[in-house]
Amino acid sequence: MQAIKGIKALARMRYRRYVSDIRIPADTRERIIDAAARLLRERGPGALTTRGVAQEAGVQAPAIYRLFGDKDGLLEAVAEHVMAAYVTTKAAIVEEAEAARVDPVVDLRAGWQAQVEFGLSNPTLFRLLSDPDRVVTSPAARSGKAVLEARMHRVAVVGRLKVSERRAVELFQVAGVGLITTVLATPPEERDPRLADAVLDGVLAQILTDAPVVADGQALPTAVAFRAMAPTLAGLSSSERLLMVEWLDRAIAASEG
């Protein structure tokens, strides 16, 4: 038994040495990730084998181990790559919407629809990307949240939020992840096509005012809007801006209960 263990250890050592000696062209990593993403999209997670990806990318299997360690490492790289491309597209859309003065609420709705479609179209990647342990360390996930924060900030600036920007973002995220997770766990023939709109309407009812007009006893939307603009107000010193932001944060928190 000890001899067998020794032989296996020697074989592993020689294989690792063989893998480390392979010279890998600079574009190989990108080719492998593109090939894996294509297989995942067209044929599902079952097609994502080391041999299958290597063949699709036109490389030797040891190159995958050298670059990604194992299949899980490759899958994480694919998830990050696909999410980063998606977030880049979203960020461009937000910039265009702001430049074209698109209604921030309309833009927020469009962002919701795009996120739901992405999650349902990429179930394997969605499950990986929504893992709480990965979200904290994923650059693409953080960038995705930043895009949502930018969209929500535009809503706040026009006086349409009745909760803080932070709470609005959290509610939006929780609802989106919960919706996609629920739909993916439901057999296709039992899915309700109206569910996404119903959930969105429910979230918007919790975070939006009907119009950017302040009525008696409803100063919170104005406080939230003022808080959104406070860091860029002219004529104030840095310490004055910080103090104003602190006051507004306290007022908003007290109003939210």
Protein backbone atom coordinates (compact mmCIF):
# COMPACT_ATOMS: atom_id res chain seq x y z
CA MET A 1 0.00 0.00 0.00
CA GLN A 2 2.82 2.37 0.90
CA ALA A 3 4.55 1.59 -2.39
CA ILE A 4 1.37 2.39 -4.35
CA LYS A 5 1.04 5.73 -2.57
CA GLY A 6 4.65 6.48 -3.42
CA ILE A 7 4.09 5.69 -7.09
CA LYS A 8 0.99 7.90 -7.21
CA ALA A 9 2.83 10.76 -5.52
CA LEU A 10 5.69 10.44 -8.00
CA ALA A 11 3.25 10.41 -10.91
CA ARG A 12 1.54 13.57 -9.64
CA MET A 13 4.90 15.27 -9.19
CA ARG A 14 6.01 14.37 -12.72
CA TYR A 15 2.67 15.55 -14.14
CA ARG A 16 2.93 18.88 -12.36
CA ARG A 17 6.48 19.26 -13.65
CA TYR A 18 5.26 18.43 -17.16
CA VAL A 19 2.48 20.99 -16.88
CA SER A 20 4.82 23.70 -15.56
CA ASP A 21 7.26 23.10 -18.41
CA ILE A 22 4.61 23.79 -21.07
CA ARG A 23 5.11 27.07 -22.86
CA ILE A 24 1.79 28.85 -23.22
CA PRO A 25 1.19 31.61 -25.81
CA ALA A 26 0.01 34.94 -24.41
CA ASP A 27 -3.49 34.68 -25.89
CA THR A 28 -4.15 31.13 -24.66
CA ARG A 29 -5.98 32.16 -21.48
CA GLU A 30 -8.42 34.31 -23.43
CA ARG A 31 -8.97 31.57 -26.02
CA ILE A 32 -9.71 29.01 -23.32
CA ILE A 33 -12.15 31.30 -21.51
CA ASP A 34 -13.94 32.19 -24.75
CA ALA A 35 -14.19 28.50 -25.69
CA ALA A 36 -15.50 27.53 -22.25
CA ALA A 37 -18.06 30.35 -22.28
CA ARG A 38 -19.22 29.27 -25.73
CA LEU A 39 -19.62 25.63 -24.66
CA LEU A 40 -21.45 26.66 -21.51
CA ARG A 41 -23.83 28.90 -23.46
CA GLU A 42 -24.51 26.50 -26.33
CA ARG A 43 -24.38 23.07 -24.67
CA GLY A 44 -24.72 23.62 -20.93
CA PRO A 45 -22.49 22.84 -17.94
CA GLY A 46 -22.19 19.17 -18.89
CA ALA A 47 -20.05 20.14 -21.87
CA LEU A 48 -17.55 21.96 -19.69
CA THR A 49 -15.00 19.13 -19.39
CA THR A 50 -11.28 19.72 -19.49
CA ARG A 51 -10.94 17.66 -22.64
CA GLY A 52 -13.92 19.34 -24.31
CA VAL A 53 -12.71 22.86 -23.53
CA ALA A 54 -9.18 22.04 -24.65
CA GLN A 55 -10.47 20.70 -27.95
CA GLU A 56 -12.75 23.70 -28.49
CA ALA A 57 -9.91 26.12 -27.73
CA GLY A 58 -7.34 24.21 -29.76
CA VAL A 59 -4.95 23.72 -26.84
CA GLN A 60 -3.56 20.83 -24.82
CA ALA A 61 -5.41 19.93 -21.62
CA PRO A 62 -2.36 20.58 -19.39
CA ALA A 63 -2.52 24.24 -20.41
CA ILE A 64 -5.88 24.50 -18.61
CA TYR A 65 -4.41 23.09 -15.41
CA ARG A 66 -1.44 25.40 -15.71
CA LEU A 67 -3.59 28.51 -16.10
CA PHE A 68 -6.65 27.73 -13.96
CA GLY A 69 -5.66 24.93 -11.59
CA ASP A 70 -8.78 22.85 -12.15
CA LYS A 71 -12.27 22.92 -13.65
CA ASP A 72 -13.65 25.04 -10.80
CA GLY A 73 -10.93 27.63 -11.39
CA LEU A 74 -11.82 27.71 -15.08
CA LEU A 75 -15.52 28.12 -14.30
CA GLU A 76 -14.80 31.03 -11.98
CA ALA A 77 -12.71 32.70 -14.68
CA VAL A 78 -15.51 32.21 -17.21
CA ALA A 79 -18.07 33.66 -14.79
CA GLU A 80 -15.90 36.70 -14.13
CA HIS A 81 -15.27 37.19 -17.86
CA VAL A 82 -18.94 36.97 -18.87
CA MET A 83 -20.08 39.16 -15.98
CA ALA A 84 -17.42 41.78 -16.71
CA ALA A 85 -18.53 42.02 -20.35
CA TYR A 86 -22.17 42.32 -19.26
CA VAL A 87 -21.37 45.01 -16.68
CA THR A 88 -19.37 47.01 -19.23
CA THR A 89 -22.40 47.02 -21.51
CA LYS A 90 -24.67 48.07 -18.62
CA ALA A 91 -22.36 50.91 -17.64
CA ALA A 92 -22.38 52.24 -21.20
CA ILE A 93 -26.19 52.11 -21.27
CA VAL A 94 -26.39 54.11 -18.03
CA GLU A 95 -24.03 56.76 -19.42
CA GLU A 96 -26.07 57.00 -22.61
CA ALA A 97 -29.32 57.25 -20.65
CA GLU A 98 -27.92 60.07 -18.53
CA ALA A 99 -26.62 61.93 -21.57
CA ALA A 100 -29.97 61.55 -23.34
CA ARG A 101 -31.85 62.58 -20.17
CA VAL A 102 -33.85 59.37 -20.12
CA ASP A 103 -36.29 59.21 -17.20
CA PRO A 104 -34.25 57.62 -14.36
CA VAL A 105 -37.17 55.39 -13.36
CA VAL A 106 -37.54 54.14 -16.94
CA ASP A 107 -33.80 53.41 -16.96
CA LEU A 108 -34.10 51.59 -13.63
CA ARG A 109 -36.87 49.39 -15.02
CA ALA A 110 -34.75 48.62 -18.08
CA GLY A 111 -31.87 47.62 -15.83
CA TRP A 112 -34.12 45.24 -13.91
CA GLN A 113 -35.33 43.55 -17.07
CA ALA A 114 -31.77 43.17 -18.37
CA GLN A 115 -30.58 41.67 -15.07
CA VAL A 116 -33.42 39.16 -14.95
CA GLU A 117 -32.83 38.12 -18.56
CA PHE A 118 -29.10 37.70 -17.90
CA GLY A 119 -29.67 35.54 -14.82
CA LEU A 120 -32.25 33.30 -16.49
CA SER A 121 -30.12 32.94 -19.63
CA ASN A 122 -26.97 32.06 -17.66
CA PRO A 123 -28.18 29.88 -14.76
CA THR A 124 -24.82 28.23 -14.01
CA LEU A 125 -22.97 31.54 -13.99
CA PHE A 126 -25.74 33.24 -12.01
CA ARG A 127 -25.55 30.62 -9.25
CA LEU A 128 -21.79 31.02 -9.08
CA LEU A 129 -21.87 34.81 -9.15
CA SER A 130 -24.63 35.06 -6.52
CA ASP A 131 -22.66 32.94 -4.05
CA PRO A 132 -22.23 35.26 -1.01
CA ASP A 133 -18.62 34.15 -0.54
CA ARG A 134 -17.74 35.17 -4.11
CA VAL A 135 -19.70 38.41 -4.34
CA VAL A 136 -17.40 40.08 -1.81
CA THR A 137 -14.24 39.27 -3.80
CA SER A 138 -15.56 39.43 -7.37
CA PRO A 139 -14.46 42.60 -9.22
CA ALA A 140 -17.25 42.12 -11.78
CA ALA A 141 -19.89 41.73 -9.07
CA ARG A 142 -18.69 44.91 -7.38
CA SER A 143 -18.76 46.73 -10.71
CA GLY A 144 -22.28 45.46 -11.31
CA LYS A 145 -23.40 46.87 -7.97
CA ALA A 146 -21.75 50.19 -8.85
CA VAL A 147 -23.84 50.37 -12.02
CA LEU A 148 -27.02 49.80 -9.98
CA GLU A 149 -25.89 52.46 -7.51
CA ALA A 150 -25.40 54.90 -10.40
CA ARG A 151 -28.91 54.19 -11.68
CA MET A 152 -30.39 54.62 -8.21
CA HIS A 153 -28.44 57.84 -7.68
CA ARG A 154 -30.10 59.34 -10.76
CA VAL A 155 -33.49 58.46 -9.29
CA ALA A 156 -32.53 60.10 -6.00
CA VAL A 157 -31.34 63.32 -7.64
CA VAL A 158 -34.73 63.95 -9.25
CA GLY A 159 -36.50 63.50 -5.91
CA ARG A 160 -38.19 60.16 -6.60
CA LEU A 161 -36.74 58.05 -3.75
CA LYS A 162 -38.58 57.82 -0.44
CA VAL A 163 -35.84 55.72 1.18
CA SER A 164 -32.08 56.16 1.26
CA GLU A 165 -30.06 55.23 -1.82
CA ARG A 166 -28.38 52.43 0.13
CA ARG A 167 -31.66 50.86 1.21
CA ALA A 168 -33.11 51.20 -2.29
CA VAL A 169 -30.09 49.40 -3.78
CA GLU A 170 -30.29 46.64 -1.17
CA LEU A 171 -34.02 46.08 -1.76
CA PHE A 172 -33.46 46.01 -5.51
CA GLN A 173 -30.63 43.49 -5.23
CA VAL A 174 -32.42 41.20 -2.80
CA ALA A 175 -35.56 41.18 -4.94
CA GLY A 176 -33.62 40.49 -8.14
CA VAL A 177 -31.55 37.62 -6.76
CA GLY A 178 -34.58 36.14 -5.03
CA LEU A 179 -36.69 36.33 -8.17
CA ILE A 180 -34.09 34.72 -10.44
CA THR A 181 -33.33 31.99 -7.89
CA THR A 182 -37.04 31.19 -7.54
CA VAL A 183 -37.67 31.10 -11.29
CA LEU A 184 -34.64 28.88 -11.93
CA ALA A 185 -35.90 26.46 -9.28
CA THR A 186 -39.33 26.28 -10.95
CA PRO A 187 -39.95 23.86 -13.86
CA PRO A 188 -40.17 25.86 -17.13
CA GLU A 189 -43.76 24.80 -17.75
CA GLU A 190 -44.80 26.14 -14.32
CA ARG A 191 -43.12 29.55 -14.52
CA ASP A 192 -45.29 32.65 -14.38
CA PRO A 193 -44.18 35.16 -17.05
CA ARG A 194 -45.78 37.98 -15.05
CA LEU A 195 -43.78 37.32 -11.90
CA ALA A 196 -40.79 39.54 -12.78
CA ASP A 197 -43.01 42.57 -13.41
CA ALA A 198 -45.02 41.92 -10.25
CA VAL A 199 -41.88 41.76 -8.10
CA LEU A 200 -40.49 44.91 -9.73
CA ASP A 201 -43.73 46.80 -9.13
CA GLY A 202 -43.64 45.72 -5.49
CA VAL A 203 -40.07 46.94 -5.02
CA LEU A 204 -40.72 50.25 -6.76
CA ALA A 205 -43.75 50.82 -4.55
CA GLN A 206 -41.45 50.50 -1.54
CA ILE A 207 -38.76 52.89 -2.75
CA LEU A 208 -40.39 55.45 -5.07
CA THR A 209 -42.65 58.44 -4.61
CA ASP A 210 -45.43 58.93 -7.15
CA ALA A 211 -43.92 62.23 -8.28
CA PRO A 212 -40.99 64.47 -7.27
CA VAL A 213 -43.24 66.80 -5.28
CA VAL A 214 -42.95 67.28 -1.53
CA ALA A 215 -46.22 67.20 0.38
CA ASP A 216 -46.79 68.00 4.05
CA GLY A 217 -45.10 65.46 6.25
CA GLN A 218 -43.27 63.88 3.30
CA ALA A 219 -39.91 65.65 3.30
CA LEU A 220 -37.91 62.42 3.00
CA PRO A 221 -37.72 62.42 -0.83
CA THR A 222 -36.26 65.93 -0.74
CA ALA A 223 -33.75 64.92 1.95
CA VAL A 224 -32.67 61.93 -0.14
CA ALA A 225 -32.36 64.08 -3.26
CA PHE A 226 -30.39 66.73 -1.38
CA ARG A 227 -28.14 64.01 0.08
CA ALA A 228 -27.44 62.76 -3.45
CA MET A 229 -26.35 66.24 -4.55
CA ALA A 230 -24.58 67.36 -1.35
CA PRO A 231 -21.07 66.04 -2.20
CA THR A 232 -20.95 68.20 -5.36
CA LEU A 233 -22.56 71.44 -4.11
CA ALA A 234 -20.49 74.52 -4.94
CA GLY A 235 -19.56 77.22 -2.45
CA LEU A 236 -18.97 74.87 0.49
CA SER A 237 -15.77 73.69 2.10
CA SER A 238 -15.00 69.98 2.40
CA SER A 239 -15.79 70.02 6.12
CA GLU A 240 -19.10 71.80 5.48
CA ARG A 241 -20.07 69.20 2.87
CA LEU A 242 -19.18 66.37 5.26
CA LEU A 243 -21.24 67.96 8.02
CA MET A 244 -24.22 68.43 5.70
CA VAL A 245 -23.99 64.82 4.54
CA GLU A 246 -23.87 63.65 8.17
CA TRP A 247 -26.98 65.67 9.06
CA LEU A 248 -28.89 64.41 6.05
CA ASP A 249 -27.88 60.79 6.71
CA ARG A 250 -29.18 61.12 10.28
CA ALA A 251 -32.44 62.70 9.12
CA ILE A 252 -32.98 60.00 6.48
CA ALA A 253 -32.19 57.20 8.93
CA ALA A 254 -34.63 58.65 11.49
CA SER A 255 -37.38 58.92 8.88
CA GLU A 256 -36.83 55.32 7.75
CA GLY A 257 -37.24 54.14 11.32
